[in-house]
Amino acid sequence: MSTDTRITLEHAKDRAAHGRQQDAGVLVIRTIAMPADTNPAGDIFGGWIMSQMDLAAGNMAGRVSQGRSATVAVEAMHFLRPVKVGDEVTLYATLTDVGRTSMRVHVDVWARSRYSKDGAKVTEAEFVFVALDDQGAPRQISSD
């Protein structure tokens, strides 16, 4: 079995475990929500979730641009349910478009209670990145 086939099978198993559709992206980050990440109400702070999303999208953008890139926009984030301390938070990224210097990355966030087999979608958003050169100016994304 090839490495690509194994990766595809592992992603399919992971998606099935979270009740996700097969085409919903590549697993980029899996972490546990901790007490230090809470807001005053005791739920996980939305800013922490957004920072994890930016890291996941940035990871995908770096792979695609094969170098430095920066977030230039985040579109329409809606929180569907709270994340609790101890929840397993899983982020999936999907490259949705590549332009001359920019990329669009869709990020889905799922959370699973530490004592449950089933997860639920928490939020999603579109991130726009621009590839940067060593001086911080936009650069063309190679077509390799």
N, C-alpha and C. Protein backbone atom coordinates (compact mmCIF):
# COMPACT_ATOMS: atom_id res chain seq x y z
N MET A 1 0.84 -1.18 0.00
CA MET A 1 0.00 0.00 0.00
C MET A 1 0.89 1.24 0.00
N SER A 2 0.59 2.18 -0.88
CA SER A 2 1.40 3.40 -0.97
C SER A 2 1.13 4.31 0.22
N THR A 3 2.07 5.23 0.45
CA THR A 3 1.90 6.19 1.54
C THR A 3 0.66 7.04 1.32
N ASP A 4 0.42 7.49 0.06
CA ASP A 4 -0.75 8.30 -0.24
C ASP A 4 -2.04 7.54 0.05
N THR A 5 -2.07 6.26 -0.28
CA THR A 5 -3.25 5.45 -0.01
C THR A 5 -3.47 5.31 1.48
N ARG A 6 -2.40 5.07 2.25
CA ARG A 6 -2.52 4.96 3.71
C ARG A 6 -3.04 6.26 4.32
N ILE A 7 -2.50 7.39 3.85
CA ILE A 7 -2.95 8.68 4.36
C ILE A 7 -4.42 8.87 4.05
N THR A 8 -4.85 8.55 2.84
CA THR A 8 -6.25 8.69 2.45
C THR A 8 -7.14 7.81 3.32
N LEU A 9 -6.73 6.59 3.59
CA LEU A 9 -7.51 5.69 4.44
C LEU A 9 -7.59 6.22 5.86
N GLU A 10 -6.48 6.72 6.40
CA GLU A 10 -6.49 7.27 7.75
C GLU A 10 -7.41 8.49 7.85
N HIS A 11 -7.39 9.34 6.82
CA HIS A 11 -8.27 10.51 6.83
C HIS A 11 -9.72 10.07 6.77
N ALA A 12 -10.03 9.04 5.97
CA ALA A 12 -11.40 8.54 5.88
C ALA A 12 -11.86 7.99 7.22
N LYS A 13 -10.99 7.24 7.92
CA LYS A 13 -11.35 6.71 9.24
C LYS A 13 -11.60 7.85 10.21
N ASP A 14 -10.74 8.88 10.18
CA ASP A 14 -10.88 10.01 11.08
C ASP A 14 -12.18 10.75 10.79
N ARG A 15 -12.49 10.98 9.53
CA ARG A 15 -13.73 11.67 9.18
C ARG A 15 -14.94 10.88 9.65
N ALA A 16 -14.91 9.57 9.46
CA ALA A 16 -16.01 8.73 9.89
C ALA A 16 -16.20 8.81 11.41
N ALA A 17 -15.10 8.86 12.15
CA ALA A 17 -15.18 8.94 13.60
C ALA A 17 -15.81 10.24 14.07
N HIS A 18 -15.69 11.28 13.28
CA HIS A 18 -16.27 12.57 13.65
C HIS A 18 -17.59 12.84 12.93
N GLY A 19 -18.10 11.85 12.19
CA GLY A 19 -19.35 12.04 11.47
C GLY A 19 -19.23 13.00 10.31
N ARG A 20 -18.04 13.11 9.73
CA ARG A 20 -17.79 14.08 8.67
C ARG A 20 -17.91 13.44 7.30
N GLN A 21 -18.18 14.26 6.31
CA GLN A 21 -18.21 13.79 4.94
C GLN A 21 -16.79 13.56 4.45
N GLN A 22 -16.66 12.72 3.43
CA GLN A 22 -15.35 12.34 2.92
C GLN A 22 -14.56 13.49 2.30
N ASP A 23 -15.22 14.51 1.80
CA ASP A 23 -14.50 15.56 1.06
C ASP A 23 -14.26 16.82 1.90
N ALA A 24 -14.23 16.70 3.21
CA ALA A 24 -14.20 17.88 4.07
C ALA A 24 -12.82 18.32 4.49
N GLY A 25 -11.78 18.00 3.76
CA GLY A 25 -10.48 18.56 4.04
C GLY A 25 -9.48 17.60 4.65
N VAL A 26 -8.29 18.13 4.89
CA VAL A 26 -7.17 17.39 5.43
C VAL A 26 -7.03 17.73 6.91
N LEU A 27 -6.87 16.73 7.74
CA LEU A 27 -6.64 16.97 9.16
C LEU A 27 -5.31 17.69 9.30
N VAL A 28 -5.34 18.87 9.93
CA VAL A 28 -4.12 19.65 10.08
C VAL A 28 -3.71 19.77 11.55
N ILE A 29 -4.68 19.97 12.43
CA ILE A 29 -4.38 20.12 13.86
C ILE A 29 -5.40 19.33 14.67
N ARG A 30 -4.90 18.67 15.70
CA ARG A 30 -5.76 18.06 16.71
C ARG A 30 -5.15 18.42 18.06
N THR A 31 -5.97 19.00 18.94
CA THR A 31 -5.47 19.45 20.24
C THR A 31 -6.57 19.28 21.29
N ILE A 32 -6.20 19.47 22.52
CA ILE A 32 -7.15 19.40 23.63
C ILE A 32 -7.35 20.82 24.17
N ALA A 33 -8.60 21.22 24.33
CA ALA A 33 -8.92 22.54 24.89
C ALA A 33 -8.62 22.50 26.40
N MET A 34 -7.82 23.45 26.86
CA MET A 34 -7.34 23.46 28.24
C MET A 34 -7.91 24.64 29.03
N PRO A 35 -7.86 24.57 30.37
CA PRO A 35 -8.40 25.65 31.21
C PRO A 35 -7.83 27.03 30.89
N ALA A 36 -6.57 27.11 30.50
CA ALA A 36 -5.96 28.42 30.20
C ALA A 36 -6.59 29.07 28.97
N ASP A 37 -7.37 28.30 28.19
CA ASP A 37 -7.96 28.80 26.95
C ASP A 37 -9.40 29.27 27.12
N THR A 38 -9.86 29.45 28.38
CA THR A 38 -11.27 29.78 28.62
C THR A 38 -11.54 31.28 28.64
N ASN A 39 -12.81 31.60 28.41
CA ASN A 39 -13.30 32.97 28.54
C ASN A 39 -13.90 33.12 29.95
N PRO A 40 -14.37 34.31 30.32
CA PRO A 40 -14.92 34.49 31.67
C PRO A 40 -16.12 33.60 31.99
N ALA A 41 -16.82 33.09 30.98
CA ALA A 41 -17.97 32.20 31.20
C ALA A 41 -17.54 30.75 31.44
N GLY A 42 -16.26 30.46 31.25
CA GLY A 42 -15.76 29.11 31.47
C GLY A 42 -15.72 28.23 30.23
N ASP A 43 -16.22 28.74 29.09
CA ASP A 43 -16.11 28.02 27.83
C ASP A 43 -14.79 28.40 27.17
N ILE A 44 -14.43 27.66 26.14
CA ILE A 44 -13.19 27.98 25.43
C ILE A 44 -13.40 29.29 24.65
N PHE A 45 -12.45 30.19 24.81
CA PHE A 45 -12.46 31.52 24.20
C PHE A 45 -12.47 31.40 22.67
N GLY A 46 -13.40 32.12 22.03
CA GLY A 46 -13.51 32.10 20.58
C GLY A 46 -12.23 32.55 19.89
N GLY A 47 -11.50 33.46 20.51
CA GLY A 47 -10.22 33.91 19.95
C GLY A 47 -9.19 32.81 19.90
N TRP A 48 -9.23 31.90 20.89
CA TRP A 48 -8.31 30.75 20.87
C TRP A 48 -8.65 29.83 19.70
N ILE A 49 -9.94 29.61 19.49
CA ILE A 49 -10.37 28.76 18.37
C ILE A 49 -9.95 29.40 17.05
N MET A 50 -10.16 30.71 16.94
CA MET A 50 -9.78 31.40 15.71
C MET A 50 -8.26 31.34 15.48
N SER A 51 -7.48 31.44 16.54
CA SER A 51 -6.02 31.35 16.37
C SER A 51 -5.61 29.96 15.90
N GLN A 52 -6.30 28.92 16.39
CA GLN A 52 -6.01 27.57 15.92
C GLN A 52 -6.38 27.43 14.44
N MET A 53 -7.47 28.06 14.05
CA MET A 53 -7.89 28.04 12.65
C MET A 53 -6.87 28.73 11.76
N ASP A 54 -6.33 29.86 12.23
CA ASP A 54 -5.33 30.59 11.46
C ASP A 54 -4.05 29.75 11.32
N LEU A 55 -3.70 29.03 12.39
CA LEU A 55 -2.54 28.14 12.31
C LEU A 55 -2.77 27.03 11.28
N ALA A 56 -3.96 26.44 11.30
CA ALA A 56 -4.28 25.36 10.36
C ALA A 56 -4.27 25.87 8.92
N ALA A 57 -4.92 27.01 8.69
CA ALA A 57 -4.95 27.58 7.34
C ALA A 57 -3.55 27.99 6.90
N GLY A 58 -2.76 28.56 7.82
CA GLY A 58 -1.39 28.95 7.51
C GLY A 58 -0.51 27.77 7.17
N ASN A 59 -0.76 26.64 7.82
CA ASN A 59 -0.01 25.43 7.50
C ASN A 59 -0.28 25.02 6.05
N MET A 60 -1.55 25.03 5.65
CA MET A 60 -1.91 24.69 4.27
C MET A 60 -1.33 25.72 3.30
N ALA A 61 -1.42 27.01 3.63
CA ALA A 61 -0.89 28.06 2.75
C ALA A 61 0.62 27.92 2.57
N GLY A 62 1.32 27.58 3.64
CA GLY A 62 2.77 27.38 3.55
C GLY A 62 3.14 26.22 2.64
N ARG A 63 2.36 25.15 2.72
CA ARG A 63 2.60 24.00 1.84
C ARG A 63 2.41 24.38 0.38
N VAL A 64 1.33 25.13 0.13
CA VAL A 64 0.99 25.49 -1.25
C VAL A 64 1.98 26.51 -1.80
N SER A 65 2.29 27.55 -1.02
CA SER A 65 3.17 28.62 -1.51
C SER A 65 4.64 28.23 -1.43
N GLN A 66 4.93 27.17 -0.69
CA GLN A 66 6.31 26.70 -0.49
C GLN A 66 7.18 27.82 0.07
N GLY A 67 6.62 28.53 1.04
CA GLY A 67 7.35 29.61 1.67
C GLY A 67 6.45 30.41 2.58
N ARG A 68 6.93 31.59 2.92
CA ARG A 68 6.22 32.47 3.83
C ARG A 68 4.91 32.96 3.22
N SER A 69 3.90 33.07 4.07
CA SER A 69 2.63 33.65 3.63
C SER A 69 1.98 34.33 4.83
N ALA A 70 1.03 35.21 4.57
CA ALA A 70 0.37 35.95 5.65
C ALA A 70 -1.13 35.96 5.43
N THR A 71 -1.85 35.94 6.54
CA THR A 71 -3.31 36.05 6.50
C THR A 71 -3.68 37.48 6.11
N VAL A 72 -4.56 37.63 5.12
CA VAL A 72 -5.02 38.97 4.75
C VAL A 72 -6.51 39.15 4.98
N ALA A 73 -7.25 38.04 5.15
CA ALA A 73 -8.69 38.15 5.41
C ALA A 73 -9.22 36.85 6.00
N VAL A 74 -10.26 37.00 6.82
CA VAL A 74 -11.02 35.87 7.34
C VAL A 74 -12.48 36.22 7.10
N GLU A 75 -13.21 35.29 6.50
CA GLU A 75 -14.59 35.58 6.14
C GLU A 75 -15.59 34.77 6.95
N ALA A 76 -16.60 35.44 7.47
CA ALA A 76 -17.83 34.88 8.03
C ALA A 76 -17.66 33.69 8.96
N MET A 77 -17.22 33.96 10.15
CA MET A 77 -17.14 32.93 11.18
C MET A 77 -18.38 32.97 12.04
N HIS A 78 -19.02 31.82 12.23
CA HIS A 78 -20.18 31.70 13.11
C HIS A 78 -19.94 30.52 14.03
N PHE A 79 -20.10 30.75 15.33
CA PHE A 79 -19.93 29.65 16.29
C PHE A 79 -21.24 28.91 16.42
N LEU A 80 -21.20 27.60 16.20
CA LEU A 80 -22.39 26.77 16.21
C LEU A 80 -22.68 26.17 17.59
N ARG A 81 -21.64 25.98 18.38
CA ARG A 81 -21.79 25.44 19.73
C ARG A 81 -20.54 25.75 20.53
N PRO A 82 -20.64 25.80 21.85
CA PRO A 82 -19.45 26.07 22.66
C PRO A 82 -18.50 24.88 22.71
N VAL A 83 -17.26 25.18 22.94
CA VAL A 83 -16.24 24.15 23.18
C VAL A 83 -15.93 24.19 24.68
N LYS A 84 -15.86 23.03 25.28
CA LYS A 84 -15.64 22.92 26.72
C LYS A 84 -14.20 22.50 27.02
N VAL A 85 -13.75 22.80 28.21
CA VAL A 85 -12.43 22.35 28.67
C VAL A 85 -12.38 20.83 28.57
N GLY A 86 -11.31 20.33 28.01
CA GLY A 86 -11.13 18.89 27.85
C GLY A 86 -11.60 18.34 26.52
N ASP A 87 -12.34 19.13 25.75
CA ASP A 87 -12.79 18.67 24.43
C ASP A 87 -11.59 18.49 23.51
N GLU A 88 -11.67 17.48 22.67
CA GLU A 88 -10.69 17.29 21.60
C GLU A 88 -11.14 18.17 20.43
N VAL A 89 -10.28 19.07 20.00
CA VAL A 89 -10.60 20.01 18.93
C VAL A 89 -9.79 19.61 17.70
N THR A 90 -10.49 19.39 16.60
CA THR A 90 -9.86 18.92 15.37
C THR A 90 -10.15 19.91 14.25
N LEU A 91 -9.08 20.30 13.54
CA LEU A 91 -9.21 21.28 12.47
C LEU A 91 -8.82 20.67 11.14
N TYR A 92 -9.67 20.87 10.14
CA TYR A 92 -9.47 20.36 8.80
C TYR A 92 -9.36 21.54 7.84
N ALA A 93 -8.40 21.49 6.93
CA ALA A 93 -8.21 22.57 5.97
C ALA A 93 -8.40 22.05 4.55
N THR A 94 -9.01 22.88 3.72
CA THR A 94 -9.22 22.56 2.31
C THR A 94 -8.79 23.76 1.48
N LEU A 95 -7.88 23.55 0.55
CA LEU A 95 -7.49 24.60 -0.38
C LEU A 95 -8.63 24.78 -1.36
N THR A 96 -9.20 25.99 -1.43
CA THR A 96 -10.35 26.20 -2.31
C THR A 96 -10.02 27.00 -3.56
N ASP A 97 -8.91 27.76 -3.52
CA ASP A 97 -8.54 28.54 -4.71
C ASP A 97 -7.09 28.99 -4.58
N VAL A 98 -6.41 29.06 -5.72
CA VAL A 98 -5.05 29.60 -5.77
C VAL A 98 -5.00 30.61 -6.90
N GLY A 99 -4.58 31.82 -6.56
CA GLY A 99 -4.41 32.86 -7.55
C GLY A 99 -2.93 33.04 -7.85
N ARG A 100 -2.57 34.19 -8.41
CA ARG A 100 -1.17 34.45 -8.74
C ARG A 100 -0.33 34.58 -7.48
N THR A 101 -0.83 35.34 -6.48
CA THR A 101 -0.09 35.52 -5.23
C THR A 101 -0.89 35.10 -3.99
N SER A 102 -2.15 34.77 -4.17
CA SER A 102 -3.00 34.49 -3.01
C SER A 102 -3.61 33.10 -3.05
N MET A 103 -4.07 32.67 -1.87
CA MET A 103 -4.71 31.37 -1.71
C MET A 103 -5.91 31.53 -0.79
N ARG A 104 -6.94 30.73 -1.04
CA ARG A 104 -8.10 30.65 -0.15
C ARG A 104 -8.10 29.27 0.49
N VAL A 105 -8.24 29.26 1.81
CA VAL A 105 -8.25 28.00 2.56
C VAL A 105 -9.49 27.97 3.43
N HIS A 106 -10.30 26.93 3.27
CA HIS A 106 -11.48 26.74 4.11
C HIS A 106 -11.08 25.88 5.30
N VAL A 107 -11.48 26.29 6.51
CA VAL A 107 -11.16 25.53 7.72
C VAL A 107 -12.46 25.15 8.43
N ASP A 108 -12.60 23.86 8.73
CA ASP A 108 -13.69 23.33 9.53
C ASP A 108 -13.14 22.95 10.89
N VAL A 109 -13.88 23.26 11.95
CA VAL A 109 -13.47 22.91 13.30
C VAL A 109 -14.53 22.01 13.92
N TRP A 110 -14.08 20.89 14.46
CA TRP A 110 -14.96 19.93 15.12
C TRP A 110 -14.47 19.74 16.54
N ALA A 111 -15.40 19.48 17.45
CA ALA A 111 -15.03 19.20 18.84
C ALA A 111 -15.72 17.92 19.29
N ARG A 112 -15.01 17.16 20.09
CA ARG A 112 -15.54 15.91 20.64
C ARG A 112 -15.29 15.91 22.13
N SER A 113 -16.35 15.71 22.89
CA SER A 113 -16.20 15.61 24.33
C SER A 113 -15.27 14.46 24.65
N ARG A 114 -14.46 14.63 25.67
CA ARG A 114 -13.45 13.62 25.99
C ARG A 114 -14.06 12.26 26.32
N TYR A 115 -15.35 12.21 26.66
CA TYR A 115 -15.99 10.94 27.02
C TYR A 115 -16.96 10.45 25.96
N SER A 116 -16.93 11.04 24.79
CA SER A 116 -17.87 10.70 23.73
C SER A 116 -17.14 10.14 22.51
N LYS A 117 -17.86 9.37 21.73
CA LYS A 117 -17.32 8.87 20.46
C LYS A 117 -17.64 9.82 19.32
N ASP A 118 -18.66 10.66 19.50
CA ASP A 118 -19.13 11.52 18.41
C ASP A 118 -18.71 12.97 18.62
N GLY A 119 -18.33 13.60 17.51
CA GLY A 119 -17.98 15.01 17.54
C GLY A 119 -19.07 15.83 16.88
N ALA A 120 -18.95 17.13 16.99
CA ALA A 120 -19.88 18.05 16.35
C ALA A 120 -19.11 19.23 15.77
N LYS A 121 -19.60 19.75 14.67
CA LYS A 121 -18.97 20.92 14.06
C LYS A 121 -19.16 22.13 14.96
N VAL A 122 -18.08 22.88 15.16
CA VAL A 122 -18.09 24.05 16.03
C VAL A 122 -18.18 25.33 15.21
N THR A 123 -17.38 25.42 14.16
CA THR A 123 -17.35 26.62 13.31
C THR A 123 -16.62 26.29 12.01
N GLU A 124 -16.65 27.24 11.11
CA GLU A 124 -15.91 27.16 9.85
C GLU A 124 -15.67 28.57 9.36
N ALA A 125 -14.67 28.74 8.50
CA ALA A 125 -14.39 30.06 7.92
C ALA A 125 -13.48 29.89 6.72
N GLU A 126 -13.47 30.91 5.89
CA GLU A 126 -12.57 31.01 4.75
C GLU A 126 -11.44 31.97 5.11
N PHE A 127 -10.22 31.54 4.90
CA PHE A 127 -9.05 32.36 5.15
C PHE A 127 -8.38 32.68 3.81
N VAL A 128 -7.96 33.92 3.66
CA VAL A 128 -7.24 34.33 2.46
C VAL A 128 -5.81 34.66 2.88
N PHE A 129 -4.86 34.08 2.17
CA PHE A 129 -3.44 34.30 2.43
C PHE A 129 -2.78 34.84 1.18
N VAL A 130 -1.70 35.58 1.38
CA VAL A 130 -0.86 36.02 0.27
C VAL A 130 0.54 35.49 0.51
N ALA A 131 1.15 34.98 -0.55
CA ALA A 131 2.54 34.51 -0.47
C ALA A 131 3.46 35.72 -0.42
N LEU A 132 4.49 35.63 0.42
CA LEU A 132 5.41 36.77 0.61
C LEU A 132 6.85 36.38 0.28
N ASP A 133 7.60 37.36 -0.22
CA ASP A 133 9.03 37.14 -0.44
C ASP A 133 9.80 37.49 0.83
N ASP A 134 11.12 37.46 0.76
CA ASP A 134 11.95 37.72 1.95
C ASP A 134 11.82 39.15 2.49
N GLN A 135 11.36 40.08 1.66
CA GLN A 135 11.18 41.46 2.10
C GLN A 135 9.74 41.73 2.56
N GLY A 136 8.88 40.72 2.51
CA GLY A 136 7.49 40.87 2.94
C GLY A 136 6.56 41.38 1.86
N ALA A 137 7.02 41.42 0.61
CA ALA A 137 6.17 41.85 -0.50
C ALA A 137 5.49 40.62 -1.12
N PRO A 138 4.29 40.80 -1.70
CA PRO A 138 3.63 39.67 -2.36
C PRO A 138 4.52 39.08 -3.44
N ARG A 139 4.50 37.76 -3.54
CA ARG A 139 5.27 37.07 -4.57
C ARG A 139 4.38 36.05 -5.27
N GLN A 140 4.77 35.70 -6.46
CA GLN A 140 4.02 34.73 -7.24
C GLN A 140 4.16 33.34 -6.61
N ILE A 141 3.07 32.60 -6.62
CA ILE A 141 3.08 31.22 -6.13
C ILE A 141 3.53 30.33 -7.28
N SER A 142 4.54 29.52 -7.00
CA SER A 142 5.06 28.65 -8.07
C SER A 142 4.02 27.58 -8.42
N SER A 143 4.04 27.14 -9.65
CA SER A 143 3.07 26.16 -10.11
C SER A 143 3.63 24.73 -10.11
N ASP A 144 4.62 24.48 -9.25
CA ASP A 144 5.20 23.12 -9.19
C ASP A 144 4.22 22.11 -8.73
